């Protein structure tokens, strides 16, 4: 690819971020990332070798601000996140621009079992480290209480009118009043293998902080475990074992895992309900193994007949 012209808007961002003109060449990004931003290889003294310029439309401005705050706060505590260099607004299309380090390393690349085999233990330990960070004061982020999230999920499940989801919800309803929330900390919101960058066997960066909130850390633990469980219960078990080896036993873990699995299943159901008939077949072909994996995980944990 050819070098970035000096009058390109991205070149202006680089000058603002680093206080100098920077030779930049567009670089390839992971599948799906091109929808959200552009990567560049840089060549100038005192700048990182690679950066990612993320573009957020006006409706996602709050997510950009949230990611910026969290990256700055976590970076100050030496938690493995990309360094962030610039937050601003495009004069051309009202998008919010966030310039961050493009961390070098391995990504899951559609191979969750192979990736987890290499870095799974540290993936779990990194989450435990996040939840144990010593905060003098937490960043200004939204707060998500369990009862609020549970109520929102229950309303969505009832609208979808899918019997498997209703069975899972009924199981959770019988137990939610017995769950006592833990002290809130920063939670990633979508802690999955897709957010991890590794130099095996170590995790070197966790990306994608747009949905971070202050909440019970078990939001993250249950979500990560459920996402892994969609690929097989063994991955979920290994993740839980590694996390609890660092963070100690997690109370009510099955509840949080099943709650998270229902959130993920409801997302699939909501997406399906918005598609036209001709789109549903393609969507179902991609989502069916994932759907079945989550149901199998919940059935294993709860003994509720779903398959």
Protein backbone atom coordinates (compact mmCIF):
# COMPACT_ATOMS: atom_id res chain seq x y z
CA UNK A 1 0.00 0.00 0.00
CA UNK A 2 1.15 3.58 -0.68
CA UNK A 3 2.07 6.02 2.08
CA UNK A 4 -0.61 8.26 3.56
CA UNK A 5 -0.76 11.70 1.82
CA UNK A 6 0.09 14.62 4.15
CA UNK A 7 -3.32 16.22 3.58
CA UNK A 8 -5.26 13.07 4.51
CA UNK A 9 -7.45 13.55 7.65
CA UNK A 10 -5.68 10.64 9.35
CA UNK A 11 -2.35 12.40 8.82
CA UNK A 12 -3.72 15.42 10.70
CA UNK A 13 -4.73 13.16 13.60
CA UNK A 14 -1.24 11.67 13.73
CA UNK A 15 0.31 15.15 13.86
CA UNK A 16 -2.01 16.16 16.69
CA UNK A 17 -1.32 12.94 18.59
CA UNK A 18 2.47 12.94 18.31
CA UNK A 19 3.31 16.60 17.76
CA UNK A 20 5.13 15.96 14.50
CA UNK A 21 4.55 14.82 10.94
CA UNK A 22 4.55 11.04 10.83
CA UNK A 23 5.15 8.86 7.77
CA UNK A 24 2.24 6.42 7.78
CA UNK A 25 1.32 3.51 5.54
CA UNK A 26 -2.12 1.83 5.69
CA UNK A 27 -1.84 -1.70 7.11
CA UNK A 28 -4.16 -4.71 7.06
CA UNK A 29 -6.52 -5.28 9.97
CA UNK A 30 -8.33 -8.32 11.34
CA UNK A 31 -11.59 -9.37 9.66
CA UNK A 32 -14.39 -7.04 10.71
CA UNK A 33 -12.12 -4.29 12.06
CA UNK A 34 -12.15 -2.36 8.79
CA UNK A 35 -15.78 -1.49 9.53
CA UNK A 36 -14.68 0.45 12.59
CA UNK A 37 -11.24 1.84 11.83
CA UNK A 38 -7.99 1.89 9.91
CA UNK A 39 -4.57 0.56 10.83
CA UNK A 40 -1.31 2.28 9.98
CA UNK A 41 2.36 1.38 10.13
CA UNK A 42 4.33 4.42 11.32
CA UNK A 43 7.88 5.51 10.66
CA UNK A 44 9.13 8.37 12.83
CA UNK A 45 11.20 8.74 15.99
CA UNK A 46 9.37 8.31 19.27
CA UNK A 47 6.14 6.88 17.87
CA UNK A 48 4.72 3.34 18.07
CA UNK A 49 5.26 1.06 15.06
CA UNK A 50 1.54 0.44 14.50
CA UNK A 51 -1.66 2.27 15.44
CA UNK A 52 -5.38 1.79 14.93
CA UNK A 53 -7.61 4.79 14.23
CA UNK A 54 -11.12 3.88 15.28
CA UNK A 55 -14.09 5.86 13.96
CA UNK A 56 -17.32 6.03 15.98
CA UNK A 57 -20.51 7.46 14.42
CA UNK A 58 -22.39 10.10 16.43
CA UNK A 59 -24.70 7.51 18.01
CA UNK A 60 -21.63 5.75 19.49
CA UNK A 61 -19.87 8.81 20.86
CA UNK A 62 -20.50 7.69 24.44
CA UNK A 63 -18.79 4.38 23.70
CA UNK A 64 -15.72 6.19 22.39
CA UNK A 65 -15.49 8.35 25.52
CA UNK A 66 -15.96 5.28 27.69
CA UNK A 67 -13.19 3.35 25.93
CA UNK A 68 -10.85 6.34 26.20
CA UNK A 69 -11.43 6.74 29.94
CA UNK A 70 -10.94 3.05 30.66
CA UNK A 71 -7.82 2.70 28.51
CA UNK A 72 -6.23 5.69 30.25
CA UNK A 73 -7.13 4.40 33.72
CA UNK A 74 -5.99 0.83 33.08
CA UNK A 75 -2.83 1.94 31.34
CA UNK A 76 -1.89 4.00 34.41
CA UNK A 77 -2.12 0.78 36.47
CA UNK A 78 -0.02 -1.16 33.92
CA UNK A 79 -2.88 -3.47 33.01
CA UNK A 80 -2.33 -4.92 29.50
CA UNK A 81 -4.34 -2.61 27.24
CA UNK A 82 -3.38 -0.69 24.11
CA UNK A 83 -1.87 2.72 24.76
CA UNK A 84 -4.22 5.53 23.72
CA UNK A 85 -2.87 8.65 22.01
CA UNK A 86 -5.75 10.81 20.84
CA UNK A 87 -9.47 11.43 21.20
CA UNK A 88 -11.14 13.98 18.94
CA UNK A 89 -13.82 14.67 16.37
CA UNK A 90 -13.72 14.54 12.61
CA UNK A 91 -14.66 17.79 10.87
CA UNK A 92 -15.79 15.83 7.80
CA UNK A 93 -18.52 13.51 9.09
CA UNK A 94 -19.02 14.16 12.84
CA UNK A 95 -17.40 10.85 13.79
CA UNK A 96 -15.46 10.54 17.03
CA UNK A 97 -11.86 9.43 16.45
CA UNK A 98 -9.81 7.35 18.87
CA UNK A 99 -6.16 6.66 18.08
CA UNK A 100 -4.63 3.75 19.97
CA UNK A 101 -1.71 1.38 19.78
CA UNK A 102 -2.10 -1.63 17.49
CA UNK A 103 -0.54 -4.29 19.71
CA UNK A 104 1.45 -6.97 17.90
CA UNK A 105 0.55 -10.56 18.66
CA UNK A 106 -1.66 -13.55 17.94
CA UNK A 107 -5.44 -13.26 17.76
CA UNK A 108 -8.08 -15.96 17.82
CA UNK A 109 -8.65 -15.80 14.03
CA UNK A 110 -11.63 -18.17 14.11
CA UNK A 111 -9.73 -20.93 15.96
CA UNK A 112 -10.98 -20.74 19.58
CA UNK A 113 -9.81 -24.20 20.64
CA UNK A 114 -6.26 -23.76 19.36
CA UNK A 115 -6.01 -20.22 20.73
CA UNK A 116 -7.37 -21.19 24.14
CA UNK A 117 -5.00 -24.16 24.33
CA UNK A 118 -2.09 -21.72 24.03
CA UNK A 119 -3.26 -18.82 26.20
CA UNK A 120 -6.37 -19.95 28.09
CA UNK A 121 -4.80 -20.02 31.54
CA UNK A 122 -3.40 -16.51 31.21
CA UNK A 123 -6.65 -15.31 29.63
CA UNK A 124 -8.38 -16.29 32.88
CA UNK A 125 -5.61 -14.91 35.11
CA UNK A 126 -5.71 -11.58 33.26
CA UNK A 127 -9.41 -11.21 34.04
CA UNK A 128 -8.76 -12.03 37.70
CA UNK A 129 -6.05 -9.37 37.69
CA UNK A 130 -8.49 -6.79 36.28
CA UNK A 131 -10.98 -7.46 39.04
CA UNK A 132 -8.29 -7.22 41.75
CA UNK A 133 -6.80 -3.88 40.66
CA UNK A 134 -6.31 -1.40 43.54
CA UNK A 135 -8.44 1.64 42.76
CA UNK A 136 -8.11 4.88 44.67
CA UNK A 137 -11.09 6.12 42.67
CA UNK A 138 -12.88 4.39 39.83
CA UNK A 139 -13.30 6.14 36.46
CA UNK A 140 -16.61 7.82 35.71
CA UNK A 141 -18.51 4.94 34.07
CA UNK A 142 -22.12 3.71 34.01
CA UNK A 143 -23.14 1.40 36.85
CA UNK A 144 -25.00 -1.83 36.10
CA UNK A 145 -26.71 -3.47 39.10
CA UNK A 146 -27.71 -7.12 38.70
CA UNK A 147 -31.40 -6.44 39.32
CA UNK A 148 -31.49 -3.83 36.54
CA UNK A 149 -29.74 -6.10 34.03
CA UNK A 150 -31.91 -9.03 35.05
CA UNK A 151 -35.11 -7.07 34.60
CA UNK A 152 -34.06 -5.86 31.14
CA UNK A 153 -33.21 -9.42 30.11
CA UNK A 154 -36.47 -10.83 31.45
CA UNK A 155 -38.50 -8.33 29.43
CA UNK A 156 -36.58 -9.19 26.26
CA UNK A 157 -37.00 -12.94 26.77
CA UNK A 158 -40.74 -12.60 27.24
CA UNK A 159 -41.03 -10.57 24.04
CA UNK A 160 -39.14 -13.20 22.06
CA UNK A 161 -41.54 -15.99 23.14
CA UNK A 162 -38.96 -18.77 22.66
CA UNK A 163 -39.61 -21.74 24.91
CA UNK A 164 -35.95 -22.61 25.59
CA UNK A 165 -35.22 -19.07 26.70
CA UNK A 166 -38.29 -19.00 28.91
CA UNK A 167 -37.22 -22.26 30.60
CA UNK A 168 -33.81 -20.76 31.38
CA UNK A 169 -35.38 -17.54 32.64
CA UNK A 170 -37.69 -19.49 34.97
CA UNK A 171 -34.66 -21.30 36.40
CA UNK A 172 -32.93 -17.99 37.04
CA UNK A 173 -36.00 -16.32 38.55
CA UNK A 174 -36.14 -19.03 41.23
CA UNK A 175 -32.58 -18.15 42.28
CA UNK A 176 -31.95 -14.45 41.64
CA UNK A 177 -33.19 -13.28 45.05
CA UNK A 178 -30.56 -15.44 46.78
CA UNK A 179 -27.64 -13.76 44.98
CA UNK A 180 -25.76 -11.07 46.88
CA UNK A 181 -23.75 -8.69 44.71
CA UNK A 182 -20.01 -8.33 45.24
CA UNK A 183 -18.29 -4.91 45.43
CA UNK A 184 -18.28 -3.28 42.01
CA UNK A 185 -15.20 -2.77 39.91
CA UNK A 186 -14.47 -2.08 36.26
CA UNK A 187 -15.86 -4.89 34.15
CA UNK A 188 -15.00 -5.31 30.49
CA UNK A 189 -18.54 -6.12 29.44
CA UNK A 190 -17.56 -8.46 26.58
CA UNK A 191 -14.51 -10.35 27.83
CA UNK A 192 -13.97 -12.96 25.12
CA UNK A 193 -11.12 -14.55 23.22
CA UNK A 194 -11.86 -12.18 20.34
CA UNK A 195 -10.76 -9.27 22.57
CA UNK A 196 -7.40 -10.83 23.48
CA UNK A 197 -3.99 -10.30 21.88
CA UNK A 198 -1.35 -12.82 22.86
CA UNK A 199 2.29 -13.66 22.60
CA UNK A 200 1.77 -17.23 23.75
CA UNK A 201 1.51 -18.24 26.48
CA UNK A 202 0.92 -14.67 27.69
CA UNK A 203 -1.88 -12.21 27.05
CA UNK A 204 -0.30 -8.90 26.05
CA UNK A 205 -3.42 -6.78 25.51
CA UNK A 206 -7.17 -6.79 26.00
CA UNK A 207 -9.06 -4.69 23.46
CA UNK A 208 -12.66 -3.53 23.01
CA UNK A 209 -13.58 -1.53 26.13
CA UNK A 210 -16.57 0.29 24.62
CA UNK A 211 -19.03 -1.58 26.85
CA UNK A 212 -17.11 -1.34 30.13
CA UNK A 213 -19.21 -0.60 33.21
CA UNK A 214 -18.89 -0.59 36.98
CA UNK A 215 -20.50 -3.80 38.12
CA UNK A 216 -20.17 -7.07 39.99
CA UNK A 217 -17.06 -8.79 38.56
CA UNK A 218 -19.12 -11.92 37.97
CA UNK A 219 -20.73 -10.21 34.98
CA UNK A 220 -17.35 -10.73 33.27
CA UNK A 221 -16.67 -14.19 34.69
CA UNK A 222 -20.05 -15.56 33.68
CA UNK A 223 -19.91 -13.95 30.25
CA UNK A 224 -16.44 -15.28 29.43
CA UNK A 225 -17.35 -18.73 30.70
CA UNK A 226 -20.58 -18.83 28.69
CA UNK A 227 -18.85 -17.68 25.51
CA UNK A 228 -16.26 -20.40 25.90
CA UNK A 229 -18.97 -22.91 26.77
CA UNK A 230 -20.59 -22.26 23.39
CA UNK A 231 -17.54 -24.05 21.93
CA UNK A 232 -17.64 -26.86 24.50
CA UNK A 233 -18.14 -27.27 28.23
CA UNK A 234 -14.50 -28.32 28.67
CA UNK A 235 -13.24 -24.85 27.71
CA UNK A 236 -15.59 -23.26 30.20
CA UNK A 237 -14.46 -25.62 32.97
CA UNK A 238 -10.80 -24.90 32.27
CA UNK A 239 -11.41 -21.15 32.30
CA UNK A 240 -13.28 -21.31 35.61
CA UNK A 241 -10.55 -23.41 37.21
CA UNK A 242 -7.82 -20.98 36.13
CA UNK A 243 -9.77 -17.90 37.23
CA UNK A 244 -10.64 -19.31 40.65
CA UNK A 245 -7.05 -20.46 41.22
CA UNK A 246 -6.15 -16.75 41.31
CA UNK A 247 -9.32 -15.07 42.55
CA UNK A 248 -10.52 -17.80 44.96
CA UNK A 249 -13.88 -19.54 44.72
CA UNK A 250 -16.56 -17.51 42.93
CA UNK A 251 -19.91 -17.67 44.77
CA UNK A 252 -23.03 -18.44 42.72
CA UNK A 253 -20.91 -18.99 39.61
CA UNK A 254 -23.44 -21.28 37.94
CA UNK A 255 -26.11 -18.58 38.26
CA UNK A 256 -23.89 -15.98 36.58
CA UNK A 257 -22.85 -18.37 33.85
CA UNK A 258 -26.44 -19.32 33.05
CA UNK A 259 -27.52 -15.68 33.25
CA UNK A 260 -24.82 -14.77 30.74
CA UNK A 261 -25.71 -17.66 28.46
CA UNK A 262 -29.30 -16.42 28.42
CA UNK A 263 -28.12 -12.90 27.55
CA UNK A 264 -26.19 -14.31 24.59
CA UNK A 265 -29.08 -16.50 23.46
CA UNK A 266 -31.46 -13.56 23.69
CA UNK A 267 -29.11 -11.51 21.50
CA UNK A 268 -29.30 -14.21 18.85
CA UNK A 269 -33.08 -14.36 19.14
CA UNK A 270 -33.43 -10.58 18.91
CA UNK A 271 -31.21 -10.44 15.83
CA UNK A 272 -33.20 -13.20 14.18
CA UNK A 273 -36.48 -11.42 14.87
CA UNK A 274 -35.30 -8.34 12.95
CA UNK A 275 -34.27 -10.14 9.75
CA UNK A 276 -36.27 -10.54 6.58
CA UNK A 277 -37.20 -14.06 5.57
CA UNK A 278 -34.48 -14.30 2.91
CA UNK A 279 -31.80 -13.29 5.47
CA UNK A 280 -32.77 -15.74 8.14
CA UNK A 281 -31.42 -18.87 6.48
CA UNK A 282 -27.89 -17.45 6.23
CA UNK A 283 -28.03 -16.15 9.78
CA UNK A 284 -29.29 -19.46 11.14
CA UNK A 285 -26.54 -21.38 9.36
CA UNK A 286 -23.93 -19.26 11.18
CA UNK A 287 -25.69 -19.03 14.53
CA UNK A 288 -27.07 -22.56 14.96
CA UNK A 289 -23.87 -24.24 16.26
CA UNK A 290 -23.37 -21.33 18.66
CA UNK A 291 -27.03 -21.56 19.80
CA UNK A 292 -26.78 -25.31 20.34
CA UNK A 293 -23.52 -24.95 22.23
CA UNK A 294 -25.02 -22.45 24.67
CA UNK A 295 -28.09 -24.62 25.23
CA UNK A 296 -25.84 -27.62 25.87
CA UNK A 297 -23.84 -25.63 28.41
CA UNK A 298 -26.96 -24.49 30.26
CA UNK A 299 -28.39 -28.01 30.22
CA UNK A 300 -25.16 -29.37 31.69
CA UNK A 301 -25.12 -26.77 34.47
CA UNK A 302 -28.83 -26.82 35.37
CA UNK A 303 -30.16 -30.23 34.25
CA UNK A 304 -33.04 -28.40 32.57
CA UNK A 305 -34.03 -30.29 29.40
CA UNK A 306 -33.33 -27.99 26.46
CA UNK A 307 -32.03 -30.28 23.69
